[in-house]
């Protein structure tokens, strides 16, 4: 699996450099997401802008990422979905579950807004 990991203080940006998100790629992607989560990172942006095709095993890996981040009170954000992948996510009704933004930059903005909101809630208590 070809991917890049860009670590930051509040989030990790994982860019998948594969054209397919299928059963050949998903075991490694799931492992990487679990590893990131066990390292204490709770906010993950997965940039899928290079992915042109996904199948049910690919969707499964996205749900693993979502569950890991949710359990850690963080965000799992998908960015850069092409039309075919976005259509599969919509047909599967996962667009109601997953956080989806057009670009990784918008994902970063969403994470910072969520982090600010959490800090404000802490201060209000």
Protein backbone atom coordinates (compact mmCIF):
# COMPACT_ATOMS: atom_id res chain seq x y z
CA UNK A 1 0.00 0.00 0.00
CA UNK A 2 1.33 3.40 -0.97
CA UNK A 3 0.49 6.23 1.40
CA UNK A 4 1.97 9.23 3.17
CA UNK A 5 1.48 10.18 6.80
CA UNK A 6 1.77 13.81 7.83
CA UNK A 7 1.75 14.12 11.64
CA UNK A 8 0.67 17.32 13.38
CA UNK A 9 -0.10 18.23 16.97
CA UNK A 10 -3.90 18.01 16.67
CA UNK A 11 -4.32 15.60 13.76
CA UNK A 12 -2.72 13.17 11.34
CA UNK A 13 -3.24 13.47 7.59
CA UNK A 14 -3.04 10.13 5.78
CA UNK A 15 -2.96 10.39 2.00
CA UNK A 16 -3.69 7.15 0.21
CA UNK A 17 -1.65 7.02 -3.01
CA UNK A 18 -3.55 4.13 -4.55
CA UNK A 19 -6.18 4.11 -7.29
CA UNK A 20 -8.21 1.35 -5.59
CA UNK A 21 -9.45 0.97 -2.04
CA UNK A 22 -10.19 -2.76 -2.13
CA UNK A 23 -9.41 -6.02 -0.35
CA UNK A 24 -5.74 -5.83 -1.39
CA UNK A 25 -5.24 -2.46 0.33
CA UNK A 26 -7.67 -2.43 3.25
CA UNK A 27 -5.84 -4.79 5.65
CA UNK A 28 -2.81 -2.47 5.61
CA UNK A 29 -4.98 0.63 5.87
CA UNK A 30 -6.83 -0.79 8.89
CA UNK A 31 -3.52 -1.68 10.52
CA UNK A 32 -2.18 1.83 9.94
CA UNK A 33 -5.33 3.43 11.37
CA UNK A 34 -5.16 1.21 14.46
CA UNK A 35 -1.47 2.03 14.91
CA UNK A 36 -2.15 5.77 14.63
CA UNK A 37 -4.94 5.45 17.18
CA UNK A 38 -2.85 3.45 19.67
CA UNK A 39 -0.17 6.14 19.44
CA UNK A 40 -2.73 8.47 21.03
CA UNK A 41 -3.85 10.39 17.96
CA UNK A 42 -7.62 10.87 17.94
CA UNK A 43 -8.13 13.05 14.85
CA UNK A 44 -7.42 11.49 11.45
CA UNK A 45 -7.96 12.98 8.01
CA UNK A 46 -7.91 10.37 5.24
CA UNK A 47 -7.26 11.97 1.86
CA UNK A 48 -8.73 9.74 -0.83
CA UNK A 49 -8.23 12.13 -3.75
CA UNK A 50 -6.12 9.53 -5.65
CA UNK A 51 -8.66 6.73 -5.14
CA UNK A 52 -10.87 6.07 -8.17
CA UNK A 53 -12.53 2.85 -7.00
CA UNK A 54 -13.66 1.39 -3.67
CA UNK A 55 -15.50 -1.77 -2.70
CA UNK A 56 -17.19 -3.07 0.45
CA UNK A 57 -13.88 -3.95 2.11
CA UNK A 58 -12.74 -0.37 1.48
CA UNK A 59 -15.88 0.92 3.16
CA UNK A 60 -15.16 -1.41 6.06
CA UNK A 61 -11.76 0.21 6.60
CA UNK A 62 -13.40 3.65 6.64
CA UNK A 63 -15.79 2.48 9.34
CA UNK A 64 -12.88 1.13 11.39
CA UNK A 65 -11.23 4.56 11.24
CA UNK A 66 -14.50 6.24 12.19
CA UNK A 67 -15.03 3.92 15.18
CA UNK A 68 -11.46 4.33 16.46
CA UNK A 69 -11.63 8.12 16.36
CA UNK A 70 -15.15 8.27 17.79
CA UNK A 71 -14.16 6.04 20.72
CA UNK A 72 -11.23 8.39 21.39
CA UNK A 73 -13.59 11.44 21.25
CA UNK A 74 -11.94 12.58 18.05
CA UNK A 75 -12.84 12.99 14.40
CA UNK A 76 -12.30 10.77 11.38
CA UNK A 77 -12.63 12.84 8.24
CA UNK A 78 -12.68 11.74 4.61
CA UNK A 79 -11.39 14.25 2.08
CA UNK A 80 -11.19 14.38 -1.70
CA UNK A 81 -13.71 11.71 -2.63
CA UNK A 82 -14.14 11.30 -6.36
CA UNK A 83 -17.61 10.76 -7.84
CA UNK A 84 -17.52 6.94 -7.92
CA UNK A 85 -16.34 6.62 -4.32
CA UNK A 86 -18.75 9.32 -3.11
CA UNK A 87 -21.61 7.52 -4.88
CA UNK A 88 -20.72 4.23 -3.12
CA UNK A 89 -20.59 6.00 0.25
CA UNK A 90 -23.99 7.59 -0.44
CA UNK A 91 -25.60 4.34 -1.65
CA UNK A 92 -24.32 2.67 1.53
CA UNK A 93 -25.82 5.58 3.52
CA UNK A 94 -22.46 6.15 5.17
CA UNK A 95 -22.62 9.83 4.23
CA UNK A 96 -24.91 10.15 7.29
CA UNK A 97 -22.26 8.55 9.53
CA UNK A 98 -18.89 9.72 8.20
CA UNK A 99 -17.48 13.26 8.17
CA UNK A 100 -16.84 14.10 4.51
CA UNK A 101 -15.24 17.29 3.21
CA UNK A 102 -14.12 18.29 -0.30
CA UNK A 103 -10.45 18.92 0.58
CA UNK A 104 -7.92 18.00 3.26
CA UNK A 105 -7.60 21.70 4.12
CA UNK A 106 -11.30 21.83 4.98
CA UNK A 107 -10.79 18.74 7.13
CA UNK A 108 -8.04 20.54 9.03
CA UNK A 109 -10.35 23.52 9.57
CA UNK A 110 -13.10 21.21 10.85
CA UNK A 111 -10.74 19.59 13.36
CA UNK A 112 -9.57 22.95 14.69
CA UNK A 113 -13.19 24.16 15.03
CA UNK A 114 -14.07 20.99 16.96
CA UNK A 115 -11.00 21.34 19.21
CA UNK A 116 -11.86 24.98 19.99
CA UNK A 117 -15.43 23.97 20.78
CA UNK A 118 -14.22 21.25 23.18
CA UNK A 119 -11.95 23.75 24.94
CA UNK A 120 -14.79 26.23 25.33
CA UNK A 121 -17.03 23.55 26.80
CA UNK A 122 -14.31 22.60 29.29
CA UNK A 123 -13.91 26.23 30.38
CA UNK A 124 -17.68 26.64 30.76
CA UNK A 125 -17.83 23.83 33.34
